[in-house]
Every structure is written in C-alpha cells, then in structure tokens.
Amino acid sequence: MMRRPSNFRRMAWVGLTLLAAVAGVSQPSRAADEWPTRDITFYVPYAPGGSTDPISRKYAELLEKQLKVKVIVENKPGASATIGTGAVIRAAPDGYTIGLGSSSSLAYQPHEMKGLAWKSANDYQSIAKLSDLPVILAVPAEARWKTLDDFLAEAKANPRKLKVSVSGLRSINDIAIQQLNKLAGLRIATVPFTGGGGEATLAALGGRVDGTAGFAPGMKGQIDAGKLRVLAVFQEGKYELLPEAKPIGETPWKDTFPVGYYVIAPNGLPKAVLEKLLAVSKVIVESEEFKNFLKTNGYTWDPKFGDDMKKELAGYDGKFRDVIKFLDDDK
C-alpha cells in the first residue's frame, strides 16, 4: 500500500484554514450586499404627538417601499431627546438600527450634557436631512394677547412673569425663545415638558402656562379648532401653512432658529449598506410624494446628504455657544 507524503496532512490543514478564512471574510460582505434581510428599527427620540412623529413615519413608510422590509418606528423619548439619539449612535453598525436626530439633540445637547455617546457630527453617520421646521408661538384663543406686540409688551414690563411651554429643556423651541429674550432684552420664562410637544400644547390649553412654543404639525389641529391663536412664526417671510402668523424676520430680532430633522446611523456601517441607505434616502427626500407631504404639513424642504448634512450640523456650533453664554450670564 502506497503511503502519502509526510507533509500531506499539514498541506491539507493549511488549505482548509485558508478556505475558512476566505469564507469568514466573504460572509459579512455578502450580508452587507444583501442588506436588508429583516426588519429595520427607526428610533424617534421624542414622544408621540409632536412634530417628529409625522415626518418620521412618512420617511419610514417610504423607506419600506424602497427596501421591501418592514421599518418599525419606535418612540424613545427622555433627557431632552438624548436617550433615543444615544440608542441609535450606540447601536450595532449593521444598518438595522437607524433613527431621527434634531439639530438640538445632535448639536446643542453635547454642550450641555456630559457623558453622551457623541460630541460632534464625527461621532455618528450622517445620512439625510429631512427638513427644517419653524417654531411658532401660540396662546389660548381666549387669552388677552391678540398680537405678538401685545405679548412682547407685557413680557417687557413684567420680566419672568409670562411662561411659555416647550417640548424639552433646550429643545429648539426653547432655544428660539431664549434667542428672542437675548435679542429683544426680554425674560420670557420657558417651562419644559418631558412628554414632548403634545404635553406642552395641553399645558397651554389647560391654563398652566401663558403660551406655547412648538411646531405646526403637532399644533395645527388645535389651531384649526379655534383653541389656539398663533402670534408669531420664527422665520423670514410668510408661513404658508399659517399665514396669519407674524414672521419674526419682520421684527428687529431676525434670528429664527428652525429645527432641523435628520436621519442618522451608527458609525462603522459596511460600505455597501451605507451606500444603499444614502441612495434610497436621496430618492425618498427628492420624491414628489415626500415634498408634497412637507408642504402640506408645514415643513421646509432643504435636502442635504452625507457630508453636506454633516457640515450643516457642525455649523450650528457657534450659534449654540452664543445662546449658552447668554443663559450662563443670565443665571
């Protein structure tokens, strides 16, 4: 019987090892190329009932159509939107957990809160800007203030007396009021609510505060029902959804601070997953269906993707530092 060479087993073992190594490398690559093969979770770091739910659910609906898998929207509020934002940023970078971020949660909160999973736009993957949305200031319909001038005159005469509800501490609607305080020499007090824009609106309707600063998608039902009177919109020019609102851009205090809504993902996505997510998000945001949704609901279309979105978020840094200095000096 012929014996095999003594090194045969060693050569066979080396061959099998190489095959296993190649298989180990190619398996994740194939998984990335085939992404997605199961449900995707889309975290929203705010409570239902405000302005973030409609736009998040519309994006998720259109993402489902593009990717042919279910996209589950999960509200994860708390700690001024940092709990839900952090859950996205800390998630496994496999494309199955993405979420909504706002200019406040992504660019302001790192200045105010220690121990967050992000300090700048370098700490997460920028996917797509969905929209801007202007802050509106409204009071109960039976309130004594008929115009913005009436409200500001009383605020000027009675510092810290007038109270305005906002959807979270140092949310963009809070920051817009603080910026108005800074520029107009006022001291309107803001009252944050952990239940988001819906709870803040109810606080105004229930007389617990004098007014509310929020966003049209979460307030328009109450406005249309005649329960809220809109005094101002923090933008340049007329707001088509609420044409009766006085634009802050027409006052001497022109800084408007809209909220930006963005899709983010963890850093480290496989290249194939990132490229596909960027591509389908661009198709969604630039579609007529999405643009019509924005217009109907009072959002502003201002698309940015990837690095362009990242640059915009980095640009908020200086503006937020100015507001922080004002708040620190006012303590």
Protein backbone atom coordinates (compact mmCIF):
# COMPACT_ATOMS: atom_id res chain seq x y z
CA MET A 1 0.00 0.00 0.00
CA MET A 2 1.44 3.37 -1.04
CA ARG A 3 1.97 5.86 1.80
CA ARG A 4 1.15 9.55 1.33
CA PRO A 5 3.93 12.08 1.77
CA SER A 6 4.50 13.05 5.40
CA ASN A 7 3.55 16.67 4.77
CA PHE A 8 0.18 15.80 3.19
CA ARG A 9 -1.82 16.34 6.37
CA ARG A 10 -0.10 19.67 7.01
CA MET A 11 -0.85 20.86 3.48
CA ALA A 12 -4.48 19.78 3.73
CA TRP A 13 -4.83 21.55 7.08
CA VAL A 14 -3.35 24.76 5.64
CA GLY A 15 -5.75 24.57 2.69
CA LEU A 16 -8.78 24.14 4.91
CA THR A 17 -7.64 27.03 7.12
CA LEU A 18 -7.33 29.31 4.10
CA LEU A 19 -10.78 28.31 2.88
CA ALA A 20 -12.26 29.04 6.31
CA ALA A 21 -10.56 32.43 6.38
CA VAL A 22 -11.91 33.32 2.94
CA ALA A 23 -15.40 32.20 3.99
CA GLY A 24 -15.14 34.27 7.15
CA VAL A 25 -14.30 37.37 5.15
CA SER A 26 -16.87 36.85 2.42
CA GLN A 27 -19.82 36.10 4.72
CA PRO A 28 -20.17 39.65 6.16
CA SER A 29 -19.54 41.06 2.70
CA ARG A 30 -22.41 39.01 1.28
CA ALA A 31 -24.63 40.04 4.22
CA ALA A 32 -23.89 43.71 3.51
CA ASP A 33 -24.58 43.28 -0.19
CA GLU A 34 -27.90 41.60 0.58
CA TRP A 35 -28.98 44.16 3.20
CA PRO A 36 -31.68 44.36 4.38
CA THR A 37 -33.00 40.88 5.01
CA ARG A 38 -35.07 41.64 8.13
CA ASP A 39 -36.96 44.46 9.88
CA ILE A 40 -35.27 47.81 10.49
CA THR A 41 -35.86 49.77 13.71
CA PHE A 42 -36.19 53.55 13.39
CA TYR A 43 -35.84 55.31 16.75
CA VAL A 44 -37.56 58.66 17.32
CA PRO A 45 -36.10 60.37 20.42
CA TYR A 46 -39.31 62.27 21.18
CA ALA A 47 -42.75 61.31 22.50
CA PRO A 48 -45.69 60.83 20.13
CA GLY A 49 -47.95 63.79 19.47
CA GLY A 50 -45.41 66.40 18.39
CA SER A 51 -43.79 67.35 15.11
CA THR A 52 -41.35 64.44 14.87
CA ASP A 53 -43.85 61.59 14.56
CA PRO A 54 -45.42 62.62 11.23
CA ILE A 55 -42.13 63.13 9.40
CA SER A 56 -40.51 60.05 10.95
CA ARG A 57 -43.42 57.84 9.95
CA LYS A 58 -43.55 59.26 6.44
CA TYR A 59 -39.84 58.57 5.92
CA ALA A 60 -40.26 55.07 7.39
CA GLU A 61 -43.24 54.39 5.11
CA LEU A 62 -41.27 55.37 2.02
CA LEU A 63 -38.17 53.50 3.21
CA GLU A 64 -40.27 50.34 3.49
CA LYS A 65 -41.35 50.75 -0.13
CA GLN A 66 -37.75 51.22 -1.26
CA LEU A 67 -36.18 48.37 0.73
CA LYS A 68 -39.10 45.89 0.77
CA VAL A 69 -38.80 45.21 4.51
CA LYS A 70 -40.75 46.49 7.49
CA VAL A 71 -39.42 49.66 9.16
CA ILE A 72 -40.61 49.82 12.76
CA VAL A 73 -40.87 53.33 14.22
CA GLU A 74 -40.21 53.28 17.97
CA ASN A 75 -40.53 56.40 20.13
CA LYS A 76 -37.75 56.54 22.70
CA PRO A 77 -38.10 59.93 24.48
CA GLY A 78 -36.33 61.33 27.50
CA ALA A 79 -33.45 63.52 28.68
CA SER A 80 -34.05 66.19 26.02
CA ALA A 81 -34.01 63.60 23.22
CA THR A 82 -30.59 62.22 24.19
CA ILE A 83 -31.85 58.75 25.23
CA GLY A 84 -33.22 57.87 21.81
CA THR A 85 -30.39 59.62 19.96
CA GLY A 86 -27.81 57.73 22.01
CA ALA A 87 -29.59 54.43 21.33
CA VAL A 88 -29.03 54.95 17.60
CA ILE A 89 -25.41 56.05 17.93
CA ARG A 90 -24.51 53.13 20.23
CA ALA A 91 -26.34 50.51 18.14
CA ALA A 92 -24.59 47.77 16.17
CA PRO A 93 -23.44 49.28 12.86
CA ASP A 94 -25.27 46.80 10.68
CA GLY A 95 -27.96 49.04 9.17
CA TYR A 96 -30.81 47.54 11.19
CA THR A 97 -30.98 50.41 13.71
CA ILE A 98 -31.22 53.97 12.42
CA GLY A 99 -33.16 56.96 13.66
CA LEU A 100 -34.14 60.58 13.75
CA GLY A 101 -31.92 63.31 15.16
CA SER A 102 -32.66 67.01 15.54
CA SER A 103 -30.35 70.00 15.45
CA SER A 104 -30.96 70.31 19.19
CA SER A 105 -30.24 66.70 20.18
CA LEU A 106 -27.27 66.35 17.85
CA ALA A 107 -25.57 69.76 18.09
CA TYR A 108 -26.78 71.51 21.25
CA GLN A 109 -27.06 68.83 23.91
CA PRO A 110 -23.37 67.80 23.73
CA HIS A 111 -22.55 71.32 25.01
CA GLU A 112 -24.88 70.90 27.98
CA MET A 113 -24.77 67.23 28.96
CA LYS A 114 -21.76 65.18 30.00
CA GLY A 115 -21.23 61.53 29.14
CA LEU A 116 -23.13 61.42 25.86
CA ALA A 117 -22.06 58.96 23.19
CA TRP A 118 -21.42 61.87 20.81
CA LYS A 119 -19.70 65.23 20.98
CA SER A 120 -19.86 66.25 17.34
CA ALA A 121 -21.05 65.12 13.93
CA ASN A 122 -17.91 62.95 13.70
CA ASP A 123 -19.40 60.53 16.22
CA TYR A 124 -22.26 59.22 14.08
CA GLN A 125 -23.06 58.68 10.42
CA SER A 126 -24.95 61.49 8.69
CA ILE A 127 -27.47 60.07 6.21
CA ALA A 128 -30.03 62.68 5.13
CA LYS A 129 -31.59 65.94 6.20
CA LEU A 130 -35.36 65.54 6.01
CA SER A 131 -36.49 69.12 6.63
CA ASP A 132 -36.39 72.34 8.56
CA LEU A 133 -39.39 73.39 10.63
CA PRO A 134 -40.01 76.86 12.06
CA VAL A 135 -41.02 77.42 15.68
CA ILE A 136 -44.44 79.01 16.21
CA LEU A 137 -45.60 80.95 19.27
CA ALA A 138 -49.26 80.49 20.19
CA VAL A 139 -51.58 81.35 23.09
CA PRO A 140 -55.01 80.04 24.08
CA ALA A 141 -57.76 81.53 21.92
CA GLU A 142 -59.33 83.30 24.91
CA ALA A 143 -56.02 84.89 26.03
CA ARG A 144 -55.82 88.67 26.39
CA TRP A 145 -52.96 88.97 23.86
CA LYS A 146 -54.29 89.45 20.35
CA THR A 147 -50.94 90.13 18.65
CA LEU A 148 -47.25 89.45 19.12
CA ASP A 149 -46.72 93.11 20.04
CA ASP A 150 -49.25 92.76 22.89
CA PHE A 151 -47.47 89.70 24.24
CA LEU A 152 -43.98 91.18 23.99
CA ALA A 153 -45.06 94.47 25.60
CA GLU A 154 -46.31 92.61 28.67
CA ALA A 155 -43.20 90.42 28.71
CA LYS A 156 -41.06 93.58 28.66
CA ALA A 157 -43.00 95.18 31.52
CA ASN A 158 -43.02 92.03 33.65
CA PRO A 159 -39.73 90.10 33.40
CA ARG A 160 -40.06 86.33 34.04
CA LYS A 161 -43.80 86.58 34.63
CA LEU A 162 -45.02 85.20 31.30
CA LYS A 163 -44.47 81.47 30.93
CA VAL A 164 -44.24 79.57 27.65
CA SER A 165 -44.28 75.77 27.46
CA VAL A 166 -41.71 73.95 25.32
CA SER A 167 -41.21 70.29 24.42
CA GLY A 168 -37.98 69.82 26.37
CA LEU A 169 -35.21 71.64 28.15
CA ARG A 170 -33.04 73.34 25.49
CA SER A 171 -35.07 71.91 22.66
CA ILE A 172 -35.03 74.16 19.59
CA ASN A 173 -38.34 75.76 20.56
CA ASP A 174 -36.84 76.58 23.96
CA ILE A 175 -33.70 77.95 22.29
CA ALA A 176 -35.78 80.09 19.91
CA ILE A 177 -37.48 81.78 22.88
CA GLN A 178 -34.12 82.23 24.64
CA GLN A 179 -32.70 83.80 21.48
CA LEU A 180 -35.68 86.17 21.38
CA ASN A 181 -35.02 87.00 25.04
CA LYS A 182 -31.38 87.71 24.21
CA LEU A 183 -32.02 89.90 21.17
CA ALA A 184 -35.10 91.77 22.46
CA GLY A 185 -33.99 92.24 26.06
CA LEU A 186 -36.84 90.11 27.43
CA ARG A 187 -37.13 87.47 30.12
CA ILE A 188 -39.92 85.18 28.98
CA ALA A 189 -39.76 82.04 31.15
CA THR A 190 -39.81 78.69 29.37
CA VAL A 191 -41.34 75.62 31.00
CA PRO A 192 -40.06 72.31 29.56
CA PHE A 193 -42.22 69.20 29.47
CA THR A 194 -40.82 65.70 29.22
CA GLY A 195 -43.87 64.49 27.30
CA GLY A 196 -42.87 66.44 24.21
CA GLY A 197 -44.87 68.87 22.09
CA GLY A 198 -48.23 67.27 22.79
CA GLU A 199 -47.90 67.75 26.55
CA ALA A 200 -46.56 71.28 26.09
CA THR A 201 -49.60 72.20 23.96
CA LEU A 202 -52.01 70.71 26.51
CA ALA A 203 -50.33 72.75 29.25
CA ALA A 204 -51.19 75.96 27.38
CA LEU A 205 -54.75 74.83 26.66
CA GLY A 206 -55.20 73.94 30.32
CA GLY A 207 -54.00 77.34 31.54
CA ARG A 208 -50.89 76.01 33.27
CA VAL A 209 -48.75 78.38 31.18
CA ASP A 210 -49.47 81.57 29.21
CA GLY A 211 -48.48 80.27 25.80
CA THR A 212 -46.60 77.56 23.97
CA ALA A 213 -43.71 77.47 21.52
CA GLY A 214 -43.89 74.47 19.25
CA PHE A 215 -44.34 73.30 15.69
CA ALA A 216 -47.31 73.34 13.35
CA PRO A 217 -47.62 69.57 12.70
CA GLY A 218 -48.33 68.92 16.38
CA MET A 219 -50.46 72.04 16.97
CA LYS A 220 -52.45 72.62 13.80
CA GLY A 221 -55.42 70.55 14.93
CA GLN A 222 -55.88 72.82 17.96
CA ILE A 223 -55.31 75.91 15.81
CA ASP A 224 -57.88 74.80 13.22
CA ALA A 225 -60.34 74.03 16.02
CA GLY A 226 -60.03 77.61 17.24
CA LYS A 227 -58.45 76.65 20.56
CA LEU A 228 -55.05 78.26 19.92
CA ARG A 229 -54.20 81.67 18.45
CA VAL A 230 -50.88 81.90 16.61
CA LEU A 231 -48.92 85.07 17.37
CA ALA A 232 -45.65 84.53 15.52
CA VAL A 233 -43.57 82.23 13.38
CA PHE A 234 -39.81 82.19 13.75
CA GLN A 235 -38.84 82.51 10.10
CA GLU A 236 -38.26 85.00 7.31
CA GLY A 237 -41.39 85.73 5.26
CA LYS A 238 -44.96 84.46 5.46
CA TYR A 239 -45.57 80.92 6.64
CA GLU A 240 -47.91 79.40 4.07
CA LEU A 241 -49.44 76.93 6.50
CA LEU A 242 -50.31 79.72 8.98
CA PRO A 243 -50.36 82.97 7.01
CA GLU A 244 -51.79 84.94 9.94
CA ALA A 245 -48.62 84.37 12.00
CA LYS A 246 -46.26 87.35 12.18
CA PRO A 247 -42.78 86.39 10.92
CA ILE A 248 -40.05 87.16 13.44
CA GLY A 249 -37.98 88.03 10.36
CA GLU A 250 -40.10 91.18 10.03
CA THR A 251 -39.19 92.34 13.54
CA PRO A 252 -35.84 93.79 14.65
CA TRP A 253 -34.95 90.33 16.06
CA LYS A 254 -34.35 88.34 12.89
CA ASP A 255 -32.59 85.22 14.13
CA THR A 256 -35.08 82.42 13.60
CA PHE A 257 -33.53 79.07 14.73
CA PRO A 258 -35.62 76.48 12.85
CA VAL A 259 -35.33 72.89 13.95
CA GLY A 260 -33.61 70.57 11.50
CA TYR A 261 -34.62 66.90 11.32
CA TYR A 262 -32.03 64.37 10.19
CA VAL A 263 -31.63 60.63 9.64
CA ILE A 264 -28.59 59.24 11.43
CA ALA A 265 -26.95 55.85 11.88
CA PRO A 266 -24.06 54.47 13.96
CA ASN A 267 -20.55 54.97 12.63
CA GLY A 268 -18.97 51.93 11.03
CA LEU A 269 -21.70 50.82 8.64
CA PRO A 270 -20.40 48.44 5.95
CA LYS A 271 -19.73 50.36 2.76
CA ALA A 272 -22.42 48.54 0.80
CA VAL A 273 -25.04 49.25 3.48
CA LEU A 274 -24.07 52.92 3.76
CA GLU A 275 -24.14 53.46 0.01
CA LYS A 276 -27.55 51.81 -0.32
CA LEU A 277 -29.02 53.73 2.64
CA LEU A 278 -27.71 57.03 1.24
CA ALA A 279 -29.06 56.23 -2.22
CA VAL A 280 -32.58 55.26 -1.12
CA SER A 281 -32.78 58.21 1.30
CA LYS A 282 -31.92 60.57 -1.56
CA VAL A 283 -34.68 59.03 -3.67
CA ILE A 284 -37.15 59.45 -0.79
CA VAL A 285 -36.29 63.04 0.13
CA GLU A 286 -36.29 64.17 -3.51
CA SER A 287 -39.56 62.41 -4.38
CA GLU A 288 -42.68 64.43 -5.17
CA GLU A 289 -44.62 62.45 -2.57
CA PHE A 290 -42.24 63.47 0.20
CA LYS A 291 -42.05 67.11 -0.95
CA ASN A 292 -45.85 67.33 -1.07
CA PHE A 293 -46.05 65.85 2.42
CA LEU A 294 -43.64 68.50 3.73
CA LYS A 295 -45.56 71.36 2.12
CA THR A 296 -48.94 70.13 3.36
CA ASN A 297 -47.70 69.78 6.94
CA GLY A 298 -45.65 72.97 7.21
CA TYR A 299 -42.14 71.52 6.93
CA THR A 300 -39.50 73.20 4.77
CA TRP A 301 -37.65 71.22 2.07
CA ASP A 302 -33.89 71.74 2.35
CA PRO A 303 -32.24 68.46 1.32
CA LYS A 304 -28.69 67.59 2.37
CA PHE A 305 -26.99 64.21 2.37
CA GLY A 306 -23.89 62.65 3.91
CA ASP A 307 -21.03 65.13 4.23
CA ASP A 308 -23.19 68.16 3.36
CA MET A 309 -25.51 67.32 6.23
CA LYS A 310 -22.50 66.83 8.49
CA LYS A 311 -21.18 70.32 7.60
CA GLU A 312 -24.54 71.92 8.42
CA LEU A 313 -24.64 70.31 11.85
CA ALA A 314 -21.07 71.42 12.55
CA GLY A 315 -22.11 74.97 11.64
CA TYR A 316 -24.67 75.09 14.45
CA ASP A 317 -21.86 75.03 17.00
CA GLY A 318 -21.16 78.78 17.05
CA LYS A 319 -24.83 79.77 17.28
CA PHE A 320 -25.45 77.41 20.16
CA ARG A 321 -22.38 78.65 22.01
CA ASP A 322 -23.79 82.20 21.87
CA VAL A 323 -27.09 81.08 23.39
CA ILE A 324 -25.29 79.11 26.11
CA LYS A 325 -23.25 82.18 27.03
CA PHE A 326 -26.43 84.25 27.30
CA LEU A 327 -28.08 81.65 29.53
CA ASP A 328 -24.99 81.38 31.73
CA ASP A 329 -24.75 85.17 32.09
CA ASP A 330 -28.46 85.34 32.97
CA LYS A 331 -28.22 82.92 35.90
